[in-house]
PDB file of N, CA and C in Angstrom:
ATOM      1  N   MET A   1     123.594-128.288  -7.238  1.00  0.00           N
ATOM      2  CA  MET A   1     122.475-129.110  -6.820  1.00  0.00           C
ATOM      3  C   MET A   1     121.969-129.902  -8.033  1.00  0.00           C
ATOM      4  N   PRO A   2     121.716-131.213  -7.870  1.00  0.00           N
ATOM      5  CA  PRO A   2     121.252-132.007  -9.011  1.00  0.00           C
ATOM      6  C   PRO A   2     119.821-131.630  -9.394  1.00  0.00           C
ATOM      7  N   THR A   3     119.556-131.647 -10.697  1.00  0.00           N
ATOM      8  CA  THR A   3     118.202-131.350 -11.159  1.00  0.00           C
ATOM      9  C   THR A   3     117.356-132.609 -11.071  1.00  0.00           C
ATOM     10  N   ARG A   4     116.092-132.398 -10.897  1.00  0.00           N
ATOM     11  CA  ARG A   4     115.180-133.534 -10.777  1.00  0.00           C
ATOM     12  C   ARG A   4     114.948-134.150 -12.157  1.00  0.00           C
ATOM     13  N   LYS A   5     115.080-135.446 -12.233  1.00  0.00           N
ATOM     14  CA  LYS A   5     114.905-136.149 -13.488  1.00  0.00           C
ATOM     15  C   LYS A   5     113.417-136.261 -13.809  1.00  0.00           C
ATOM     16  N   GLU A   6     113.087-136.012 -15.084  1.00  0.00           N
ATOM     17  CA  GLU A   6     111.698-136.127 -15.522  1.00  0.00           C
ATOM     18  C   GLU A   6     111.263-137.590 -15.459  1.00  0.00           C
ATOM     19  N   PRO A   7     110.006-137.848 -15.050  1.00  0.00           N
ATOM     20  CA  PRO A   7     109.535-139.241 -15.008  1.00  0.00           C
ATOM     21  C   PRO A   7     109.434-139.804 -16.423  1.00  0.00           C
ATOM     22  N   PRO A   8     109.678-141.101 -16.584  1.00  0.00           N
ATOM     23  CA  PRO A   8     109.580-141.693 -17.920  1.00  0.00           C
ATOM     24  C   PRO A   8     108.130-141.691 -18.409  1.00  0.00           C
ATOM     25  N   ILE A   9     107.946-141.515 -19.709  1.00  0.00           N
ATOM     26  CA  ILE A   9     106.633-141.479 -20.335  1.00  0.00           C
ATOM     27  C   ILE A   9     106.513-142.663 -21.288  1.00  0.00           C
ATOM     28  N   CYS A  10     105.398-143.354 -21.233  1.00  0.00           N
ATOM     29  CA  CYS A  10     105.136-144.498 -22.104  1.00  0.00           C
ATOM     30  C   CYS A  10     104.948-143.992 -23.537  1.00  0.00           C
ATOM     31  N   THR A  11     105.610-144.645 -24.494  1.00  0.00           N
ATOM     32  CA  THR A  11     105.493-144.226 -25.887  1.00  0.00           C
ATOM     33  C   THR A  11     104.157-144.632 -26.505  1.00  0.00           C
ATOM     34  N   SER A  12     103.404-145.516 -25.858  1.00  0.00           N
ATOM     35  CA  SER A  12     102.119-145.963 -26.405  1.00  0.00           C
ATOM     36  C   SER A  12     100.947-145.154 -25.868  1.00  0.00           C
ATOM     37  N   CYS A  13     100.828-145.069 -24.549  1.00  0.00           N
ATOM     38  CA  CYS A  13      99.676-144.384 -23.945  1.00  0.00           C
ATOM     39  C   CYS A  13     100.000-142.955 -23.517  1.00  0.00           C
ATOM     40  N   HIS A  14     101.273-142.569 -23.564  1.00  0.00           N
ATOM     41  CA  HIS A  14     101.745-141.220 -23.246  1.00  0.00           C
ATOM     42  C   HIS A  14     101.438-140.803 -21.812  1.00  0.00           C
ATOM     43  N   GLN A  15     101.360-141.785 -20.924  1.00  0.00           N
ATOM     44  CA  GLN A  15     101.177-141.484 -19.512  1.00  0.00           C
ATOM     45  C   GLN A  15     102.482-141.763 -18.778  1.00  0.00           C
ATOM     46  N   GLU A  16     102.608-141.167 -17.607  1.00  0.00           N
ATOM     47  CA  GLU A  16     103.799-141.378 -16.796  1.00  0.00           C
ATOM     48  C   GLU A  16     103.894-142.850 -16.403  1.00  0.00           C
ATOM     49  N   ILE A  17     105.088-143.417 -16.540  1.00  0.00           N
ATOM     50  CA  ILE A  17     105.282-144.814 -16.188  1.00  0.00           C
ATOM     51  C   ILE A  17     105.492-144.906 -14.688  1.00  0.00           C
ATOM     52  N   LYS A  18     104.596-145.633 -14.040  1.00  0.00           N
ATOM     53  CA  LYS A  18     104.692-145.865 -12.600  1.00  0.00           C
ATOM     54  C   LYS A  18     104.863-147.354 -12.398  1.00  0.00           C
ATOM     55  N   GLY A  19     105.727-147.741 -11.525  1.00  0.00           N
ATOM     56  CA  GLY A  19     105.926-149.165 -11.278  1.00  0.00           C
ATOM     57  C   GLY A  19     106.831-149.781 -12.322  1.00  0.00           C
ATOM     58  N   ARG A  20     106.508-150.975 -12.732  1.00  0.00           N
ATOM     59  CA  ARG A  20     107.366-151.728 -13.641  1.00  0.00           C
ATOM     60  C   ARG A  20     107.403-151.111 -15.033  1.00  0.00           C
ATOM     61  N   ARG A  21     108.593-151.045 -15.562  1.00  0.00           N
ATOM     62  CA  ARG A  21     108.814-150.444 -16.875  1.00  0.00           C
ATOM     63  C   ARG A  21     109.320-151.518 -17.830  1.00  0.00           C
ATOM     64  N   ARG A  22     108.778-151.549 -19.024  1.00  0.00           N
ATOM     65  CA  ARG A  22     109.190-152.516 -20.043  1.00  0.00           C
ATOM     66  C   ARG A  22     109.747-151.747 -21.229  1.00  0.00           C
ATOM     67  N   GLY A  23     111.025-151.447 -21.215  1.00  0.00           N
ATOM     68  CA  GLY A  23     111.624-150.659 -22.291  1.00  0.00           C
ATOM     69  C   GLY A  23     111.068-149.255 -22.260  1.00  0.00           C
ATOM     70  N   ASP A  24     110.455-148.843 -23.349  1.00  0.00           N
ATOM     71  CA  ASP A  24     109.871-147.507 -23.416  1.00  0.00           C
ATOM     72  C   ASP A  24     108.366-147.517 -23.223  1.00  0.00           C
ATOM     73  N   ARG A  25     107.825-148.634 -22.725  1.00  0.00           N
ATOM     74  CA  ARG A  25     106.390-148.764 -22.483  1.00  0.00           C
ATOM     75  C   ARG A  25     106.116-149.056 -21.005  1.00  0.00           C
ATOM     76  N   CYS A  26     104.905-148.709 -20.593  1.00  0.00           N
ATOM     77  CA  CYS A  26     104.469-149.102 -19.257  1.00  0.00           C
ATOM     78  C   CYS A  26     104.117-150.592 -19.291  1.00  0.00           C
ATOM     79  N   ASN A  27     103.975-151.182 -18.142  1.00  0.00           N
ATOM     80  CA  ASN A  27     103.700-152.611 -18.065  1.00  0.00           C
ATOM     81  C   ASN A  27     102.371-152.969 -18.732  1.00  0.00           C
ATOM     82  N   ALA A  28     101.348-152.126 -18.562  1.00  0.00           N
ATOM     83  CA  ALA A  28     100.037-152.411 -19.148  1.00  0.00           C
ATOM     84  C   ALA A  28     100.112-152.446 -20.676  1.00  0.00           C
ATOM     85  N   CYS A  29     100.800-151.470 -21.272  1.00  0.00           N
ATOM     86  CA  CYS A  29     100.924-151.438 -22.733  1.00  0.00           C
ATOM     87  C   CYS A  29     101.755-152.622 -23.230  1.00  0.00           C
ATOM     88  N   HIS A  30     102.807-152.959 -22.490  1.00  0.00           N
ATOM     89  CA  HIS A  30     103.641-154.097 -22.891  1.00  0.00           C
ATOM     90  C   HIS A  30     102.830-155.396 -22.876  1.00  0.00           C
ATOM     91  N   LEU A  31     102.065-155.599 -21.820  1.00  0.00           N
ATOM     92  CA  LEU A  31     101.269-156.828 -21.722  1.00  0.00           C
ATOM     93  C   LEU A  31     100.191-156.874 -22.810  1.00  0.00           C
ATOM     94  N   ARG A  32      99.552-155.727 -23.100  1.00  0.00           N
ATOM     95  CA  ARG A  32      98.538-155.678 -24.145  1.00  0.00           C
ATOM     96  C   ARG A  32      99.176-156.025 -25.500  1.00  0.00           C
ATOM     97  N   TRP A  33     100.376-155.493 -25.765  1.00  0.00           N
ATOM     98  CA  TRP A  33     101.101-155.779 -27.002  1.00  0.00           C
ATOM     99  C   TRP A  33     101.473-157.258 -27.087  1.00  0.00           C
ATOM    100  N   HIS A  34     101.945-157.807 -25.969  1.00  0.00           N
ATOM    101  CA  HIS A  34     102.369-159.210 -25.941  1.00  0.00           C
ATOM    102  C   HIS A  34     101.189-160.149 -26.156  1.00  0.00           C
ATOM    103  N   ARG A  35     100.063-159.875 -25.504  1.00  0.00           N
ATOM    104  CA  ARG A  35      98.872-160.727 -25.646  1.00  0.00           C
ATOM    105  C   ARG A  35      98.289-160.667 -27.052  1.00  0.00           C
ATOM    106  N   ALA A  36      98.514-159.558 -27.756  1.00  0.00           N
ATOM    107  CA  ALA A  36      98.000-159.406 -29.118  1.00  0.00           C
ATOM    108  C   ALA A  36      98.896-160.094 -30.142  1.00  0.00           C
ATOM    109  N   GLY A  37      99.959-160.755 -29.682  1.00  0.00           N
ATOM    110  CA  GLY A  37     100.835-161.469 -30.596  1.00  0.00           C
ATOM    111  C   GLY A  37     102.005-160.641 -31.087  1.00  0.00           C
ATOM    112  N   ARG A  38     102.376-159.611 -30.355  1.00  0.00           N
ATOM    113  CA  ARG A  38     103.504-158.738 -30.666  1.00  0.00           C
ATOM    114  C   ARG A  38     103.415-158.089 -32.048  1.00  0.00           C
ATOM    115  N   PRO A  39     102.302-157.408 -32.337  1.00  0.00           N
ATOM    116  CA  PRO A  39     102.189-156.740 -33.632  1.00  0.00           C
ATOM    117  C   PRO A  39     103.129-155.529 -33.712  1.00  0.00           C
ATOM    118  N   ALA A  40     103.228-154.933 -34.897  1.00  0.00           N
ATOM    119  CA  ALA A  40     104.106-153.776 -35.079  1.00  0.00           C
ATOM    120  C   ALA A  40     103.663-152.590 -34.226  1.00  0.00           C
ATOM    121  N   GLU A  41     102.374-152.416 -34.081  1.00  0.00           N
ATOM    122  CA  GLU A  41     101.818-151.323 -33.274  1.00  0.00           C
ATOM    123  C   GLU A  41     101.147-151.892 -32.031  1.00  0.00           C
ATOM    124  N   VAL A  42     101.239-151.167 -30.936  1.00  0.00           N
ATOM    125  CA  VAL A  42     100.577-151.591 -29.697  1.00  0.00           C
ATOM    126  C   VAL A  42      99.078-151.340 -29.845  1.00  0.00           C
ATOM    127  N   PRO A  43      98.230-152.342 -29.589  1.00  0.00           N
ATOM    128  CA  PRO A  43      96.785-152.133 -29.687  1.00  0.00           C
ATOM    129  C   PRO A  43      96.298-151.104 -28.667  1.00  0.00           C
ATOM    130  N   ALA A  44      95.255-150.398 -29.025  1.00  0.00           N
ATOM    131  CA  ALA A  44      94.682-149.398 -28.126  1.00  0.00           C
ATOM    132  C   ALA A  44      94.042-150.096 -26.926  1.00  0.00           C
ATOM    133  N   PRO A  45      94.026-149.437 -25.763  1.00  0.00           N
ATOM    134  CA  PRO A  45      93.365-150.035 -24.603  1.00  0.00           C
ATOM    135  C   PRO A  45      91.876-150.214 -24.863  1.00  0.00           C
ATOM    136  N   THR A  46      91.328-151.294 -24.335  1.00  0.00           N
ATOM    137  CA  THR A  46      89.905-151.569 -24.532  1.00  0.00           C
ATOM    138  C   THR A  46      89.056-151.040 -23.388  1.00  0.00           C
ATOM    139  N   THR A  47      89.675-150.677 -22.290  1.00  0.00           N
ATOM    140  CA  THR A  47      88.936-150.140 -21.148  1.00  0.00           C
ATOM    141  C   THR A  47      89.317-148.679 -20.943  1.00  0.00           C
ATOM    142  N   PRO A  48      88.394-147.867 -20.437  1.00  0.00           N
ATOM    143  CA  PRO A  48      88.707-146.465 -20.212  1.00  0.00           C
ATOM    144  C   PRO A  48      89.725-146.288 -19.081  1.00  0.00           C
ATOM    145  N   SER A  49      90.450-145.208 -19.145  1.00  0.00           N
ATOM    146  CA  SER A  49      91.446-144.926 -18.122  1.00  0.00           C
ATOM    147  C   SER A  49      90.773-144.517 -16.813  1.00  0.00           C
ATOM    148  N   ASN A  50      91.539-144.532 -15.745  1.00  0.00           N
ATOM    149  CA  ASN A  50      91.001-144.119 -14.441  1.00  0.00           C
ATOM    150  C   ASN A  50      90.550-142.669 -14.470  1.00  0.00           C
ATOM    151  N   GLN A  51      91.281-141.843 -15.177  1.00  0.00           N
ATOM    152  CA  GLN A  51      90.909-140.438 -15.268  1.00  0.00           C
ATOM    153  C   GLN A  51      89.566-140.289 -15.985  1.00  0.00           C
ATOM    154  N   GLN A  52      89.365-141.053 -17.033  1.00  0.00           N
ATOM    155  CA  GLN A  52      88.095-140.999 -17.765  1.00  0.00           C
ATOM    156  C   GLN A  52      86.952-141.487 -16.881  1.00  0.00           C
ATOM    157  N   ARG A  53      87.197-142.552 -16.111  1.00  0.00           N
ATOM    158  CA  ARG A  53      86.160-143.060 -15.203  1.00  0.00           C
ATOM    159  C   ARG A  53      85.812-142.028 -14.143  1.00  0.00           C
ATOM    160  N   ALA A  54      86.829-141.342 -13.611  1.00  0.00           N
ATOM    161  CA  ALA A  54      86.579-140.324 -12.591  1.00  0.00           C
ATOM    162  C   ALA A  54      85.770-139.168 -13.167  1.00  0.00           C
ATOM    163  N   THR A  55      86.076-138.779 -14.395  1.00  0.00           N
ATOM    164  CA  THR A  55      85.335-137.696 -15.045  1.00  0.00           C
ATOM    165  C   THR A  55      83.880-138.095 -15.256  1.00  0.00           C
ATOM    166  N   GLU A  56      83.657-139.323 -15.693  1.00  0.00           N
ATOM    167  CA  GLU A  56      82.290-139.802 -15.894  1.00  0.00           C
ATOM    168  C   GLU A  56      81.528-139.862 -14.574  1.00  0.00           C
ATOM    169  N   ALA A  57      82.192-140.276 -13.494  1.00  0.00           N
ATOM    170  CA  ALA A  57      81.547-140.324 -12.178  1.00  0.00           C
ATOM    171  C   ALA A  57      81.190-138.922 -11.702  1.00  0.00           C
ATOM    172  N   ASP A  58      82.074-137.954 -11.942  1.00  0.00           N
ATOM    173  CA  ASP A  58      81.773-136.569 -11.563  1.00  0.00           C
ATOM    174  C   ASP A  58      80.584-136.035 -12.350  1.00  0.00           C
ATOM    175  N   GLU A  59      80.498-136.393 -13.619  1.00  0.00           N
ATOM    176  CA  GLU A  59      79.350-135.957 -14.426  1.00  0.00           C
ATOM    177  C   GLU A  59      78.045-136.561 -13.908  1.00  0.00           C
ATOM    178  N   ARG A  60      78.084-137.846 -13.536  1.00  0.00           N
ATOM    179  CA  ARG A  60      76.882-138.486 -12.971  1.00  0.00           C
ATOM    180  C   ARG A  60      76.502-137.833 -11.654  1.00  0.00           C
ATOM    181  N   ALA A  61      77.501-137.518 -10.819  1.00  0.00           N
ATOM    182  CA  ALA A  61      77.226-136.884  -9.532  1.00  0.00           C
ATOM    183  C   ALA A  61      76.615-135.501  -9.731  1.00  0.00           C
ATOM    184  N   ASN A  62      77.141-134.737 -10.673  1.00  0.00           N
ATOM    185  CA  ASN A  62      76.588-133.407 -10.936  1.00  0.00           C
ATOM    186  C   ASN A  62      75.160-133.498 -11.457  1.00  0.00           C
ATOM    187  N   THR A  63      74.897-134.455 -12.321  1.00  0.00           N
ATOM    188  CA  THR A  63      73.533-134.652 -12.825  1.00  0.00           C
ATOM    189  C   THR A  63      72.593-135.015 -11.684  1.00  0.00           C
ATOM    190  N   ALA A  64      73.044-135.896 -10.793  1.00  0.00           N
ATOM    191  CA  ALA A  64      72.215-136.290  -9.645  1.00  0.00           C
ATOM    192  C   ALA A  64      71.940-135.094  -8.742  1.00  0.00           C
ATOM    193  N   ARG A  65      72.938-134.234  -8.534  1.00  0.00           N
ATOM    194  CA  ARG A  65      72.744-133.043  -7.691  1.00  0.00           C
ATOM    195  C   ARG A  65      71.747-132.075  -8.314  1.00  0.00           C
ATOM    196  N   VAL A  66      71.833-131.904  -9.631  1.00  0.00           N
ATOM    197  CA  VAL A  66      70.893-131.000 -10.312  1.00  0.00           C
ATOM    198  C   VAL A  66      69.475-131.536 -10.182  1.00  0.00           C
ATOM    199  N   LEU A  67      69.292-132.828 -10.407  1.00  0.00           N
ATOM    200  CA  LEU A  67      67.954-133.417 -10.291  1.00  0.00           C
ATOM    201  C   LEU A  67      67.437-133.338  -8.859  1.00  0.00           C
ATOM    202  N   ALA A  68      68.319-133.516  -7.871  1.00  0.00           N
ATOM    203  CA  ALA A  68      67.902-133.413  -6.472  1.00  0.00           C
ATOM    204  C   ALA A  68      67.519-131.971  -6.136  1.00  0.00           C
ATOM    205  N   ALA A  69      68.256-131.016  -6.705  1.00  0.00           N
ATOM    206  CA  ALA A  69      67.936-129.604  -6.457  1.00  0.00           C
ATOM    207  C   ALA A  69      66.582-129.230  -7.063  1.00  0.00           C
ATOM    208  N   LEU A  70      66.178-129.955  -8.103  1.00  0.00           N
ATOM    209  CA  LEU A  70      64.869-129.720  -8.709  1.00  0.00           C
ATOM    210  C   LEU A  70      63.740-130.412  -7.953  1.00  0.00           C
ATOM    211  N   GLY A  71      64.095-131.118  -6.864  1.00  0.00           N
ATOM    212  CA  GLY A  71      63.096-131.745  -6.024  1.00  0.00           C
ATOM    213  C   GLY A  71      62.799-133.193  -6.355  1.00  0.00           C
ATOM    214  N   ARG A  72      63.607-133.814  -7.170  1.00  0.00           N
ATOM    215  CA  ARG A  72      63.387-135.219  -7.530  1.00  0.00           C
ATOM    216  C   ARG A  72      63.758-136.127  -6.366  1.00  0.00           C
ATOM    217  N   ASP A  73      63.048-137.215  -6.232  1.00  0.00           N
ATOM    218  CA  ASP A  73      63.303-138.218  -5.210  1.00  0.00           C
ATOM    219  C   ASP A  73      64.562-139.017  -5.581  1.00  0.00           C
ATOM    220  N   PRO A  74      65.447-139.314  -4.608  1.00  0.00           N
ATOM    221  CA  PRO A  74      66.666-140.081  -4.918  1.00  0.00           C
ATOM    222  C   PRO A  74      66.402-141.421  -5.602  1.00  0.00           C
ATOM    223  N   GLU A  75      65.310-142.086  -5.241  1.00  0.00           N
ATOM    224  CA  GLU A  75      64.980-143.361  -5.892  1.00  0.00           C
ATOM    225  C   GLU A  75      64.670-143.161  -7.373  1.00  0.00           C
ATOM    226  N   ASP A  76      63.944-142.074  -7.691  1.00  0.00           N
ATOM    227  CA  ASP A  76      63.638-141.775  -9.093  1.00  0.00           C
ATOM    228  C   ASP A  76      64.891-141.385  -9.865  1.00  0.00           C
ATOM    229  N   ILE A  77      65.786-140.639  -9.206  1.00  0.00           N
ATOM    230  CA  ILE A  77      67.047-140.258  -9.848  1.00  0.00           C
ATOM    231  C   ILE A  77      67.851-141.510 -10.172  1.00  0.00           C
ATOM    232  N   ALA A  78      67.876-142.455  -9.240  1.00  0.00           N
ATOM    233  CA  ALA A  78      68.619-143.701  -9.457  1.00  0.00           C
ATOM    234  C   ALA A  78      68.068-144.461 -10.665  1.00  0.00           C
ATOM    235  N   LYS A  79      66.737-144.508 -10.770  1.00  0.00           N
ATOM    236  CA  LYS A  79      66.126-145.198 -11.919  1.00  0.00           C
ATOM    237  C   LYS A  79      66.431-144.474 -13.221  1.00  0.00           C
ATOM    238  N   ASP A  80      66.354-143.150 -13.215  1.00  0.00           N
ATOM    239  CA  ASP A  80      66.599-142.368 -14.424  1.00  0.00           C
ATOM    240  C   ASP A  80      68.042-142.489 -14.910  1.00  0.00           C
ATOM    241  N   LEU A  81      68.983-142.501 -13.971  1.00  0.00           N
ATOM    242  CA  LEU A  81      70.397-142.563 -14.336  1.00  0.00           C
ATOM    243  C   LEU A  81      70.913-143.998 -14.424  1.00  0.00           C
ATOM    244  N   ASN A  82      70.036-144.960 -14.163  1.00  0.00           N
ATOM    245  CA  ASN A  82      70.409-146.375 -14.220  1.00  0.00           C
ATOM    246  C   ASN A  82      71.535-146.697 -13.234  1.00  0.00           C
ATOM    247  N   LEU A  83      71.398-146.164 -12.012  1.00  0.00           N
ATOM    248  CA  LEU A  83      72.373-146.378 -10.946  1.00  0.00           C
ATOM    249  C   LEU A  83      71.658-146.922  -9.722  1.00  0.00           C
ATOM    250  N   SER A  84      72.428-147.368  -8.761  1.00  0.00           N
ATOM    251  CA  SER A  84      71.827-147.843  -7.522  1.00  0.00           C
ATOM    252  C   SER A  84      71.461-146.645  -6.642  1.00  0.00           C
ATOM    253  N   SER A  85      70.511-146.853  -5.756  1.00  0.00           N
ATOM    254  CA  SER A  85      70.118-145.772  -4.843  1.00  0.00           C
ATOM    255  C   SER A  85      71.258-145.431  -3.888  1.00  0.00           C
ATOM    256  N   ARG A  86      72.096-146.414  -3.599  1.00  0.00           N
ATOM    257  CA  ARG A  86      73.259-146.164  -2.734  1.00  0.00           C
ATOM    258  C   ARG A  86      74.233-145.186  -3.408  1.00  0.00           C
ATOM    259  N   SER A  87      74.451-145.349  -4.708  1.00  0.00           N
ATOM    260  CA  SER A  87      75.326-144.420  -5.439  1.00  0.00           C
ATOM    261  C   SER A  87      74.760-143.003  -5.381  1.00  0.00           C
ATOM    262  N   ILE A  88      73.462-142.877  -5.555  1.00  0.00           N
ATOM    263  CA  ILE A  88      72.834-141.553  -5.517  1.00  0.00           C
ATOM    264  C   ILE A  88      72.981-140.940  -4.130  1.00  0.00           C
ATOM    265  N   ARG A  89      72.763-141.725  -3.087  1.00  0.00           N
ATOM    266  CA  ARG A  89      72.940-141.200  -1.719  1.00  0.00           C
ATOM    267  C   ARG A  89      74.378-140.750  -1.500  1.00  0.00           C
ATOM    268  N   ARG A  90      75.332-141.501  -2.036  1.00  0.00           N
ATOM    269  CA  ARG A  90      76.747-141.134  -1.894  1.00  0.00           C
ATOM    270  C   ARG A  90      77.032-139.843  -2.668  1.00  0.00           C
ATOM    271  N   TYR A  91      76.471-139.708  -3.877  1.00  0.00           N
ATOM    272  CA  TYR A  91      76.666-138.494  -4.659  1.00  0.00           C
ATOM    273  C   TYR A  91      76.075-137.272  -3.964  1.00  0.00           C
ATOM    274  N   LEU A  92      74.971-137.468  -3.253  1.00  0.00           N
ATOM    275  CA  LEU A  92      74.288-136.342  -2.615  1.00  0.00           C
ATOM    276  C   LEU A  92      74.776-136.056  -1.200  1.00  0.00           C
ATOM    277  N   SER A  93      75.683-136.864  -0.676  1.00  0.00           N
ATOM    278  CA  SER A  93      76.163-136.658   0.697  1.00  0.00           C
ATOM    279  C   SER A  93      76.995-135.385   0.784  1.00  0.00           C
ATOM    280  N   PRO A  94      76.961-134.709   1.937  1.00  0.00           N
ATOM    281  CA  PRO A  94      77.715-133.454   2.097  1.00  0.00           C
ATOM    282  C   PRO A  94      79.222-133.635   1.904  1.00  0.00           C
ATOM    283  N   SER A  95      79.793-134.762   2.327  1.00  0.00           N
ATOM    284  CA  SER A  95      81.234-134.957   2.181  1.00  0.00           C
ATOM    285  C   SER A  95      81.612-135.060   0.714  1.00  0.00           C
ATOM    286  N   ARG A  96      80.768-135.633  -0.127  1.00  0.00           N
ATOM    287  CA  ARG A  96      81.043-135.740  -1.557  1.00  0.00           C
ATOM    288  C   ARG A  96      80.987-134.363  -2.215  1.00  0.00           C
ATOM    289  N   ARG A  97      80.066-133.519  -1.766  1.00  0.00           N
ATOM    290  CA  ARG A  97      79.953-132.180  -2.361  1.00  0.00           C
ATOM    291  C   ARG A  97      81.208-131.368  -2.108  1.00  0.00           C
ATOM    292  N   GLN A  98      81.783-131.503  -0.919  1.00  0.00           N
ATOM    293  CA  GLN A  98      82.994-130.744  -0.603  1.00  0.00           C
ATOM    294  C   GLN A  98      84.185-131.239  -1.383  1.00  0.00           C
ATOM    295  N   ALA A  99      84.231-132.558  -1.680  1.00  0.00           N
ATOM    296  CA  ALA A  99      85.380-133.127  -2.371  1.00  0.00           C
ATOM    297  C   ALA A  99      85.408-132.748  -3.840  1.00  0.00           C
ATOM    298  N   CYS A 100      84.258-132.483  -4.438  1.00  0.00           N
ATOM    299  CA  CYS A 100      84.215-132.192  -5.888  1.00  0.00           C
ATOM    300  C   CYS A 100      84.473-130.748  -6.195  1.00  0.00           C
TER     301      CYS A 100
END
């Protein structure tokens, strides 16, 4: 039986290459390198990764839940966390609690 081949890993960001591959880099790293004028080293990404964004969103949701459990009003929580009231309502919804 054939063994499963390991997915390719980008030599710059060390993440699994999904979609278009440019040599030993993912497409995002290749484009960032090309736009920077093809320097010897690939420039670091300027935006956070999706995983980092998800972690930050989970932290905001947990903070909102703690403040709500202390009896704070959702509008006040939104002002304190510098978020919209809609985001706070979404963080406090029962379906969001089960997903986290």
